[in-house]
Protein backbone atom coordinates (compact mmCIF):
# COMPACT_ATOMS: atom_id res chain seq x y z
CA MET A 1 -17.73 -9.11 4.40
CA THR A 2 -17.04 -5.98 6.40
CA PHE A 3 -13.77 -4.99 7.95
CA PRO A 4 -13.17 -3.12 11.16
CA GLU A 5 -12.78 0.60 10.60
CA SER A 6 -11.22 0.95 14.04
CA GLU A 7 -7.92 -0.48 15.13
CA PRO A 8 -6.50 -1.36 18.55
CA ASP A 9 -5.76 1.64 20.78
CA ASP A 10 -2.00 1.35 20.18
CA ALA A 11 -2.32 1.25 16.36
CA PRO A 12 -1.62 4.42 14.39
CA ARG A 13 -4.73 6.08 13.02
CA VAL A 14 -4.54 5.82 9.25
CA GLN A 15 -6.67 7.71 6.78
CA VAL A 16 -6.59 6.02 3.37
CA ARG A 17 -7.92 7.96 0.41
CA VAL A 18 -8.80 5.44 -2.30
CA SER A 19 -9.34 6.09 -5.99
CA GLN A 20 -10.47 3.47 -8.48
CA SER A 21 -12.13 5.91 -10.88
CA ASP A 22 -10.12 4.69 -13.90
CA LEU A 23 -11.55 1.19 -13.48
CA PRO A 24 -14.90 -0.18 -14.63
CA GLY A 25 -17.30 -0.71 -11.73
CA GLN A 26 -17.10 -4.51 -11.85
CA SER A 27 -13.28 -4.38 -11.54
CA ARG A 28 -13.22 -2.28 -8.38
CA LEU A 29 -12.29 -3.87 -5.07
CA PRO A 30 -14.11 -3.22 -1.77
CA LEU A 31 -12.96 -0.04 -0.06
CA GLY A 32 -12.94 -1.68 3.38
CA PHE A 33 -10.56 -4.37 2.17
CA LEU A 34 -8.19 -1.86 0.55
CA ARG A 35 -8.16 0.43 3.58
CA ARG A 36 -7.67 -2.48 5.97
CA ALA A 37 -4.62 -3.72 4.02
CA ALA A 38 -3.07 -0.23 4.07
CA ARG A 39 -3.78 0.26 7.77
CA LEU A 40 -2.24 -3.08 8.62
CA ALA A 41 0.87 -2.22 6.60
CA VAL A 42 1.28 1.07 8.49
CA GLY A 43 0.77 -0.78 11.76
CA GLN A 44 3.49 -3.29 10.89
CA GLY A 45 6.02 -0.87 9.44
CA ASN A 46 5.54 2.43 11.26
CA PRO A 47 8.98 3.41 12.59
CA PRO A 48 9.40 3.77 16.36
CA GLY A 49 8.74 7.28 17.54
CA GLN A 50 6.40 8.10 14.65
CA THR A 51 3.09 8.54 16.40
CA GLY A 52 -0.16 10.22 15.57
CA PRO A 53 -2.43 9.90 12.59
CA VAL A 54 -1.15 9.36 9.05
CA GLU A 55 -2.69 9.77 5.61
CA ILE A 56 -2.04 7.73 2.46
CA SER A 57 -3.43 7.99 -1.03
CA LEU A 58 -4.10 4.66 -2.76
CA THR A 59 -4.93 4.48 -6.46
CA LEU A 60 -5.90 1.36 -8.39
CA THR A 61 -5.69 1.93 -12.12
CA GLU A 62 -4.75 0.37 -15.45
CA ASP A 63 -1.38 -0.45 -17.04
CA ARG A 64 -1.59 2.58 -19.33
CA ARG A 65 -1.67 5.05 -16.42
CA VAL A 66 1.02 3.24 -14.44
CA GLN A 67 3.24 3.15 -17.52
CA GLU A 68 2.87 6.94 -17.89
CA LEU A 69 3.86 7.47 -14.25
CA ASN A 70 6.72 4.98 -14.47
CA ARG A 71 8.03 6.73 -17.58
CA ASP A 72 7.62 10.26 -16.22
CA TYR A 73 9.02 9.66 -12.72
CA ARG A 74 11.36 6.69 -13.07
CA GLY A 75 12.43 6.89 -16.72
CA GLN A 76 11.10 3.37 -17.42
CA ASP A 77 8.59 3.32 -20.27
CA ARG A 78 6.71 0.19 -19.23
CA PRO A 79 3.96 -0.72 -16.81
CA THR A 80 4.85 -2.09 -13.40
CA ASP A 81 2.80 -3.51 -10.55
CA VAL A 82 3.16 -0.83 -7.87
CA LEU A 83 4.67 2.63 -7.56
CA SER A 84 5.21 4.52 -4.32
CA PHE A 85 5.61 8.27 -4.22
CA SER A 86 6.81 9.29 -0.78
CA LEU A 87 6.41 12.90 0.23
CA TRP A 88 9.48 12.50 2.43
CA GLU A 89 11.89 10.47 0.31
CA GLY A 90 14.92 9.83 2.50
CA GLN A 91 13.82 12.32 5.15
CA VAL A 92 12.12 12.18 8.49
CA PRO A 93 8.83 14.03 8.00
CA PRO A 94 8.33 17.14 10.10
CA PRO A 95 5.53 16.99 12.62
CA PRO A 96 2.19 17.93 11.07
CA PRO A 97 0.17 20.90 12.29
CA PRO A 98 -1.85 20.10 15.42
CA GLY A 99 -4.85 17.92 14.64
CA GLN A 100 -3.62 17.08 11.14
CA PRO A 101 -2.33 13.69 9.91
CA ARG A 102 1.26 13.08 8.83
CA LEU A 103 1.06 12.85 5.04
CA LEU A 104 3.04 9.85 3.78
CA GLY A 105 2.44 9.85 0.02
CA ASP A 106 0.81 7.88 -2.77
CA VAL A 107 0.68 4.22 -3.73
CA VAL A 108 -0.42 3.45 -7.29
CA ILE A 109 -1.24 -0.12 -8.33
CA SER A 110 -1.90 -1.48 -11.80
CA LEU A 111 -4.85 -3.82 -11.41
CA GLU A 112 -4.10 -5.31 -14.85
CA THR A 113 -0.57 -6.27 -13.83
CA ALA A 114 -1.83 -7.49 -10.45
CA ARG A 115 -4.27 -9.81 -12.23
CA ARG A 116 -1.51 -11.25 -14.43
CA GLN A 117 0.82 -11.75 -11.49
CA ALA A 118 -1.86 -13.40 -9.38
CA SER A 119 -2.59 -15.83 -12.20
CA GLU A 120 1.12 -16.58 -12.73
CA GLN A 121 1.63 -17.15 -8.99
CA GLY A 122 -1.49 -19.28 -8.58
CA HIS A 123 -3.35 -17.13 -6.07
CA ASP A 124 -6.29 -14.78 -6.20
CA LEU A 125 -6.34 -11.09 -7.06
CA ARG A 126 -7.13 -9.93 -3.52
CA ARG A 127 -3.99 -11.59 -2.16
CA GLU A 128 -1.86 -9.98 -4.87
CA VAL A 129 -3.37 -6.54 -4.29
CA ALA A 130 -2.94 -6.87 -0.51
CA TRP A 131 0.71 -7.73 -1.03
CA LEU A 132 1.19 -4.79 -3.43
CA ILE A 133 -0.48 -2.41 -0.96
CA SER A 134 1.73 -3.60 1.88
CA HIS A 135 4.85 -3.37 -0.30
CA GLY A 136 3.97 0.14 -1.48
CA VAL A 137 3.06 1.41 1.99
CA LEU A 138 6.29 0.04 3.44
CA HIS A 139 8.20 2.04 0.82
CA LEU A 140 6.29 5.15 1.96
CA LEU A 141 7.45 4.41 5.50
CA GLY A 142 11.09 4.35 4.36
CA TYR A 143 11.70 0.64 3.78
CA ASP A 144 13.64 -0.51 0.74
CA HIS A 145 15.13 -3.79 -0.47
CA PRO A 146 18.56 -3.21 -2.06
CA ASP A 147 20.06 -6.30 -0.39
CA PRO A 148 18.90 -9.73 0.84
CA GLU A 149 18.71 -8.67 4.48
CA SER A 150 16.48 -5.66 3.88
CA ARG A 151 14.37 -7.66 1.38
CA LYS A 152 13.81 -10.31 4.06
CA ARG A 153 12.78 -7.61 6.55
CA MET A 154 10.20 -6.21 4.10
CA LYS A 155 8.94 -9.69 3.22
CA ASP A 156 8.45 -10.52 6.91
CA LEU A 157 6.37 -7.37 7.39
CA GLU A 158 4.36 -8.06 4.21
CA ASP A 159 3.71 -11.62 5.39
CA ARG A 160 2.37 -10.28 8.69
CA VAL A 161 -0.09 -8.08 6.82
CA LEU A 162 -1.29 -11.03 4.71
CA ALA A 163 -1.59 -13.22 7.82
CA ALA A 164 -3.73 -10.59 9.57
CA LEU A 165 -5.99 -10.34 6.51
CA GLU A 166 -6.31 -14.12 6.51
CA ARG A 167 -7.32 -14.03 10.20
CA ASP A 168 -9.93 -11.37 9.30
CA GLY A 169 -11.30 -13.68 6.60
CA ALA A 170 -10.38 -11.17 3.89
CA LEU A 171 -8.10 -13.62 2.06
């Protein structure tokens, strides 16, 4: 299955740099699927007034690497499912130079943890990864979930991303 590389005219242009180099070839997911999930998440969560192209880095890796990052940057010596590293934590990013995208940051996903969670939840790996991408990208866009109201807001946006991927036939 192929996914549209272009979006509607009113959608933000999103460049998604994907790395799966830590994973064996048979474990890697289709680039079009991964980029589509990230683009949809930006489209759902991009704050009003933030226009122009954006760039995100997306890495799928193993528990070992995510555990290292989690330990080094969050002080938690254990793997987790997704980490987001915003370049603008708590700030409004300055406008990029003309013709350049607004750099949002990095999303890192443990494919091992995603597999376990998908199995525990009774759905397939692609659905779990799509949810993790949307969750991580929303964090890059400034969303958080410290209380039930903000968690519901994020969940609603994540559900919209999953619904769009279902309509595309990706899930």
